[in-house]
Structure formats: structure tokens, C-alpha cells
């Protein structure tokens, strides 16, 4: 059961990249892959991991928190501070 990889991981949605990464991990954990295939899968997995991390960082940067005034009503937004 060999799945074909897309030519460019940046073309995948976050969800598709994560599914592919999970399939790679499963394949590697099964021990059924040859050494050459394992090396290729590991390299692809590393690219997918980087892509997922970049997408998560971009999403986090877009998150804003709502600020409230003294009366408890929303007054605006501030960038997410990550803390």
C-alpha cells in the first residue's frame, strides 16, 4: 500500500498535510517500509511537519482577542500575544 505524495507540500491544506503526515508515521511505525522508502518518507514527513507548523503559526498570528471596556462591552481587538 504505497500512497503517492504530492509534488509540493505547500499545495496541501493543513488537514490534508496532517493526514499525510499521520499516514507516513503509521507506515514508518509498521516497519514494512524498506530503508530507502523509510528515508524518503522521513524526508517528506519533515517537510510536512514544517508546513503544518508554518500554517499553525500563521493562524495564531491572525487570532485576535477582544478587548472590553470598563462597562464590559467590546471596545476593539488586540493581536494575540501567545501567552
Protein backbone atom coordinates (compact mmCIF):
# COMPACT_ATOMS: atom_id res chain seq x y z
CA UNK A 1 0.00 0.00 0.00
CA UNK A 2 2.11 2.90 -1.25
CA UNK A 3 0.50 6.30 -1.36
CA UNK A 4 1.67 8.82 -3.90
CA UNK A 5 2.93 12.10 -2.49
CA UNK A 6 2.02 15.44 -3.98
CA UNK A 7 4.81 17.25 -5.79
CA UNK A 8 4.58 20.26 -3.47
CA UNK A 9 3.54 20.03 0.18
CA UNK A 10 2.66 23.72 0.21
CA UNK A 11 -0.29 22.90 -2.06
CA UNK A 12 -1.91 20.81 0.68
CA UNK A 13 -4.39 22.17 3.17
CA UNK A 14 -3.38 21.88 6.82
CA UNK A 15 -5.82 18.99 7.27
CA UNK A 16 -4.53 17.12 4.20
CA UNK A 17 -0.91 17.67 5.23
CA UNK A 18 -1.68 16.35 8.72
CA UNK A 19 -3.45 13.28 7.30
CA UNK A 20 -0.49 12.56 5.03
CA UNK A 21 1.91 13.01 7.95
CA UNK A 22 -0.14 10.57 10.04
CA UNK A 23 -0.05 8.04 7.17
CA UNK A 24 3.73 8.42 6.95
CA UNK A 25 4.17 7.90 10.69
CA UNK A 26 1.95 4.83 10.54
CA UNK A 27 3.93 3.41 7.63
CA UNK A 28 7.24 4.03 9.36
CA UNK A 29 6.00 2.55 12.64
CA UNK A 30 4.76 -0.57 10.88
CA UNK A 31 8.31 -1.49 9.89
CA UNK A 32 7.12 -2.61 6.46
CA UNK A 33 8.98 0.11 4.53
CA UNK A 34 12.38 -0.61 3.02
CA UNK A 35 15.32 1.51 4.15
CA UNK A 36 15.19 3.67 1.01
CA UNK A 37 11.44 4.13 1.33
CA UNK A 38 11.82 4.95 5.03
CA UNK A 39 14.37 7.65 4.23
CA UNK A 40 12.09 9.14 1.57
CA UNK A 41 9.09 9.00 3.88
CA UNK A 42 11.06 10.63 6.69
CA UNK A 43 12.15 13.47 4.39
CA UNK A 44 8.59 14.01 3.19
CA UNK A 45 7.33 13.88 6.77
CA UNK A 46 9.85 16.52 7.81
CA UNK A 47 8.62 18.83 5.03
CA UNK A 48 5.01 18.21 6.04
CA UNK A 49 5.82 18.89 9.70
CA UNK A 50 7.40 22.20 8.74
CA UNK A 51 4.41 23.10 6.59
CA UNK A 52 1.97 22.29 9.40
CA UNK A 53 3.99 24.35 11.88
CA UNK A 54 4.06 27.30 9.48
CA UNK A 55 0.31 27.11 8.92
CA UNK A 56 -0.33 26.97 12.68
CA UNK A 57 1.96 29.95 13.29
CA UNK A 58 0.16 31.93 10.58
CA UNK A 59 -3.22 31.06 12.06
CA UNK A 60 -2.07 32.03 15.53
CA UNK A 61 -0.82 35.37 14.22
CA UNK A 62 -4.29 36.09 12.80
CA UNK A 63 -6.09 35.35 16.05
CA UNK A 64 -7.18 38.45 17.89
CA UNK A 65 -8.54 38.83 21.34
CA UNK A 66 -11.48 41.08 22.04
CA UNK A 67 -10.83 43.89 24.48
CA UNK A 68 -13.55 45.01 26.84
CA UNK A 69 -14.18 48.44 28.28
CA UNK A 70 -14.92 49.16 31.94
CA UNK A 71 -18.60 48.62 31.24
CA UNK A 72 -17.90 45.11 29.92
CA UNK A 73 -18.70 45.97 26.31
CA UNK A 74 -16.31 45.17 23.48
CA UNK A 75 -14.10 48.13 22.61
CA UNK A 76 -11.86 46.61 19.96
CA UNK A 77 -9.32 43.90 19.37
CA UNK A 78 -5.67 43.31 20.12
CA UNK A 79 -3.27 40.89 18.42
CA UNK A 80 -2.93 37.51 20.10
CA UNK A 81 0.05 37.62 22.47
CA UNK A 82 0.56 33.86 22.70
CA UNK A 83 0.66 33.89 26.47
